[in-house]
Structures are given as structure tokens and as C-alpha cells.
Protein backbone atom coordinates (compact mmCIF):
# COMPACT_ATOMS: atom_id res chain seq x y z
CA UNK A 1 130.30 79.00 143.82
CA UNK A 2 134.10 78.90 144.40
CA UNK A 3 136.48 81.54 142.76
CA UNK A 4 138.74 78.35 141.11
CA UNK A 5 135.05 77.15 139.57
CA UNK A 6 134.00 80.44 138.10
CA UNK A 7 137.75 80.53 136.43
CA UNK A 8 137.22 76.99 134.99
CA UNK A 9 134.04 77.72 133.82
CA UNK A 10 135.45 81.05 131.91
CA UNK A 11 137.83 79.34 130.76
CA UNK A 12 135.75 76.67 129.09
CA UNK A 13 133.55 79.36 127.62
CA UNK A 14 136.31 81.32 125.94
CA UNK A 15 137.91 78.18 124.56
CA UNK A 16 134.87 77.06 123.07
CA UNK A 17 134.49 80.28 121.87
CA UNK A 18 137.69 80.69 120.29
CA UNK A 19 137.25 77.01 118.29
CA UNK A 20 133.77 78.01 117.19
CA UNK A 21 134.96 81.27 115.41
CA UNK A 22 138.16 79.82 114.42
CA UNK A 23 135.83 76.96 112.61
CA UNK A 24 133.69 79.79 110.83
CA UNK A 25 137.54 81.31 109.50
CA UNK A 26 138.27 80.88 105.91
CA UNK A 27 141.54 78.64 105.88
CA UNK A 28 143.65 80.72 103.28
CA UNK A 29 142.94 84.03 101.85
CA UNK A 30 141.91 82.33 98.47
CA UNK A 31 138.93 81.29 100.81
CA UNK A 32 138.38 84.44 102.32
CA UNK A 33 135.03 86.34 101.30
CA UNK A 34 135.01 88.46 98.45
CA UNK A 35 138.01 86.43 96.91
CA UNK A 36 136.71 84.41 93.88
CA UNK A 37 139.86 82.09 92.66
CA UNK A 38 139.87 80.88 88.88
CA UNK A 39 140.97 77.32 88.53
CA UNK A 40 143.23 78.31 85.61
CA UNK A 41 140.63 77.25 82.71
CA UNK A 42 141.91 77.93 79.43
CA UNK A 43 139.28 78.45 76.41
CA UNK A 44 140.59 79.41 73.08
CA UNK A 45 138.53 79.86 69.96
CA UNK A 46 139.23 78.99 66.43
CA UNK A 47 140.25 81.75 64.02
CA UNK A 48 136.75 81.31 62.20
CA UNK A 49 135.07 81.63 65.55
CA UNK A 50 136.55 84.80 67.00
CA UNK A 51 134.03 87.24 65.98
CA UNK A 52 134.32 91.25 66.22
CA UNK A 53 137.08 92.85 67.83
CA UNK A 54 136.62 93.45 71.74
CA UNK A 55 135.94 97.57 71.77
CA UNK A 56 137.51 98.20 75.31
CA UNK A 57 138.02 101.56 76.60
CA UNK A 58 138.13 103.37 79.87
CA UNK A 59 140.42 105.87 81.51
CA UNK A 60 143.77 104.77 83.44
CA UNK A 61 144.84 105.66 87.22
CA UNK A 62 146.31 108.92 85.76
CA UNK A 63 143.22 110.06 83.72
CA UNK A 64 144.14 109.05 80.46
CA UNK A 65 142.20 107.40 77.96
CA UNK A 66 143.06 103.82 77.03
CA UNK A 67 141.90 101.60 74.69
CA UNK A 68 142.25 97.99 72.90
CA UNK A 69 142.03 99.62 69.45
CA UNK A 70 145.26 101.78 70.28
CA UNK A 71 147.00 98.49 70.10
CA UNK A 72 145.69 96.79 66.77
CA UNK A 73 148.38 94.70 65.09
CA UNK A 74 149.78 93.52 68.54
CA UNK A 75 148.22 90.66 70.70
CA UNK A 76 146.85 92.27 73.60
CA UNK A 77 146.26 90.55 77.06
CA UNK A 78 143.29 92.19 78.94
CA UNK A 79 144.34 91.12 82.39
CA UNK A 80 141.54 91.53 85.51
CA UNK A 81 143.21 92.31 88.76
CA UNK A 82 143.30 93.86 91.92
CA UNK A 83 146.65 94.64 94.48
CA UNK A 84 145.61 92.24 97.38
CA UNK A 85 144.75 89.33 94.98
CA UNK A 86 147.31 86.79 95.39
CA UNK A 87 147.44 85.14 92.07
CA UNK A 88 147.50 88.57 90.65
CA UNK A 89 150.31 89.75 92.69
CA UNK A 90 152.02 85.87 91.67
CA UNK A 91 151.87 86.12 88.00
CA UNK A 92 152.30 90.12 87.61
CA UNK A 93 156.14 89.35 87.21
CA UNK A 94 155.17 87.08 84.01
CA UNK A 95 152.83 89.81 82.48
CA UNK A 96 155.66 92.60 82.73
CA UNK A 97 158.05 90.32 81.26
CA UNK A 98 155.68 89.66 78.18
CA UNK A 99 154.54 93.45 77.86
CA UNK A 100 158.33 93.92 77.45
CA UNK A 101 157.91 92.31 74.14
CA UNK A 102 157.22 94.42 71.03
CA UNK A 103 154.55 92.29 69.43
CA UNK A 104 152.46 92.36 72.87
CA UNK A 105 150.90 94.74 74.80
CA UNK A 106 149.11 93.98 78.49
CA UNK A 107 146.30 96.07 79.52
CA UNK A 108 144.69 95.87 82.95
CA UNK A 109 141.47 96.17 84.24
CA UNK A 110 141.02 96.98 88.03
CA UNK A 111 137.29 97.50 89.58
CA UNK A 112 138.86 97.43 93.09
CA UNK A 113 141.62 99.70 94.29
CA UNK A 114 142.15 103.40 94.22
CA UNK A 115 144.69 105.13 92.50
CA UNK A 116 147.26 105.33 95.26
CA UNK A 117 146.92 101.33 95.27
CA UNK A 118 147.13 100.72 92.04
CA UNK A 119 150.55 103.05 91.46
CA UNK A 120 151.82 101.21 94.70
CA UNK A 121 151.05 98.01 92.86
CA UNK A 122 152.89 98.90 89.73
CA UNK A 123 155.96 100.13 91.70
CA UNK A 124 156.21 96.92 93.49
CA UNK A 125 156.27 94.76 90.31
CA UNK A 126 157.73 97.38 88.02
CA UNK A 127 154.51 97.56 85.85
CA UNK A 128 154.70 99.86 83.17
CA UNK A 129 151.49 98.93 80.93
CA UNK A 130 148.41 101.19 81.44
CA UNK A 131 145.04 99.72 83.68
CA UNK A 132 141.60 100.77 83.18
CA UNK A 133 140.44 102.46 86.41
CA UNK A 134 136.95 100.15 86.63
CA UNK A 135 135.33 101.53 89.93
CA UNK A 136 132.31 101.77 88.02
CA UNK A 137 132.03 98.35 86.32
CA UNK A 138 132.21 99.84 82.60
CA UNK A 139 135.19 97.86 81.25
CA UNK A 140 134.18 94.58 82.51
CA UNK A 141 130.64 95.33 81.40
CA UNK A 142 131.96 95.71 78.21
CA UNK A 143 133.70 92.51 77.84
CA UNK A 144 130.64 90.78 79.30
CA UNK A 145 128.89 90.29 75.97
CA UNK A 146 131.59 88.56 74.38
CA UNK A 147 133.12 86.57 77.52
CA UNK A 148 132.28 86.11 80.86
CA UNK A 149 134.49 87.40 83.58
CA UNK A 150 133.83 85.00 86.59
CA UNK A 151 136.82 85.60 88.55
CA UNK A 152 140.00 87.69 89.51
CA UNK A 153 142.23 87.44 87.96
CA UNK A 154 140.97 86.64 84.49
CA UNK A 155 143.02 86.97 81.45
CA UNK A 156 141.65 87.64 77.37
CA UNK A 157 144.22 87.11 74.64
CA UNK A 158 142.87 89.50 71.93
CA UNK A 159 144.74 88.55 68.43
CA UNK A 160 146.45 90.97 66.00
CA UNK A 161 142.77 91.92 64.82
CA UNK A 162 141.72 92.98 68.47
CA UNK A 163 139.57 89.85 68.53
CA UNK A 164 139.00 87.36 71.57
CA UNK A 165 141.49 84.21 71.11
CA UNK A 166 141.71 82.92 74.59
CA UNK A 167 140.54 83.27 77.89
CA UNK A 168 142.51 82.20 81.11
CA UNK A 169 140.37 82.03 84.24
CA UNK A 170 142.80 82.14 87.37
CA UNK A 171 146.57 82.54 87.32
CA UNK A 172 148.29 82.25 83.98
CA UNK A 173 151.38 79.69 84.12
CA UNK A 174 153.98 81.33 81.70
CA UNK A 175 154.43 78.89 79.40
CA UNK A 176 150.61 78.61 79.04
CA UNK A 177 150.54 82.56 78.27
CA UNK A 178 153.57 81.88 75.95
CA UNK A 179 151.65 79.30 73.95
CA UNK A 180 148.39 81.44 73.94
CA UNK A 181 150.38 84.65 72.99
CA UNK A 182 152.05 82.83 69.80
CA UNK A 183 148.95 81.13 68.87
CA UNK A 184 147.33 84.44 68.36
CA UNK A 185 150.11 85.91 66.27
CA UNK A 186 149.25 83.85 63.87
């Protein structure tokens, strides 16, 4: 076989291999393995259907205790997140703005990142609210009895008594979150 024929066959094999591998690759980060994207579904509970207060507690990335019970009297937004999650990054400025309100407290729950990564995210987005280090999965387990956490981000809106008033699976649009917070204040 001539050298030019071998080069043509080798090039054809390489092109076929590249096309085969690229067909298997996800089209975007949202489709990549390990990432489950929410669709923005909002579920609300009427005041008389809210049940008991969510008793969520853990330790933040500085080793300090954090609990939803510390914020009774405020609307609490419990937001699951991790640093490389695209919708988490997109909604971070909106959550920071809501946390600046006197009647709202945001509490993050992060089960994927180490402390250095979580702190870098906080610096990047000027996050001042605490996040529970949920590397052991205990915080998500505490929520599973009341509501399912199917995707990241998922945001729970707790009313001023600590009861789940709403859940959003996926990125929360600012106007939607504002309406949910105002509804939980009533």
C-alpha cells in the first residue's frame, strides 16, 4: 500500500473518530453529566396547607452554626447551589439584592464545593449570606421530608413562621421571587 493511500485511510479514521466522539458530547453545560437543570416550576402552598416549620440547620463554610430557626420573623429563602452551576451564577446577584432587604434572609445550601470554592463564589458575587456546607447531605435530607429537592438550584421560600410557602425548581426570575417573597410576608 502506498504512503498516500495510508495517509488518506488514517485521515478518514481520525475524522470518523472525531465525529463519533463529538456526537456523544453534551451540547451545553446544562446537558453535561452531573448537572440536572430545573425548569423554573413554581409550587405554592396556601397558608392553611403549609404545615410545620422547616427545621434546617448545619454548619457554614467557616464552621459556624446556621439554622432557619435563627430567622423566624423574616422570609427565608433557602437556595441550593454550587459554584459552577450556570443558573446558580446567573441568579446570585438577584439573591444578594433580596438578602439586602430587612425582611428577607437568604440561606444557601451547598453540597458540592469545598470551602475555598464557596468563598471564591461569595467574593465574586459579593454574597454576604451564610451557606450550609452540606458535603454530608444532611441539610438536603432535612428538607426532603417536606419538599423534594430535584435539581440545583432549588429555592424554598419560608414564611415568617418558617413554613414552606413556595418552591422554585431551577433559576428564579427576579419578578417571580419578589412576588413569592411578598406573598410569604402576608
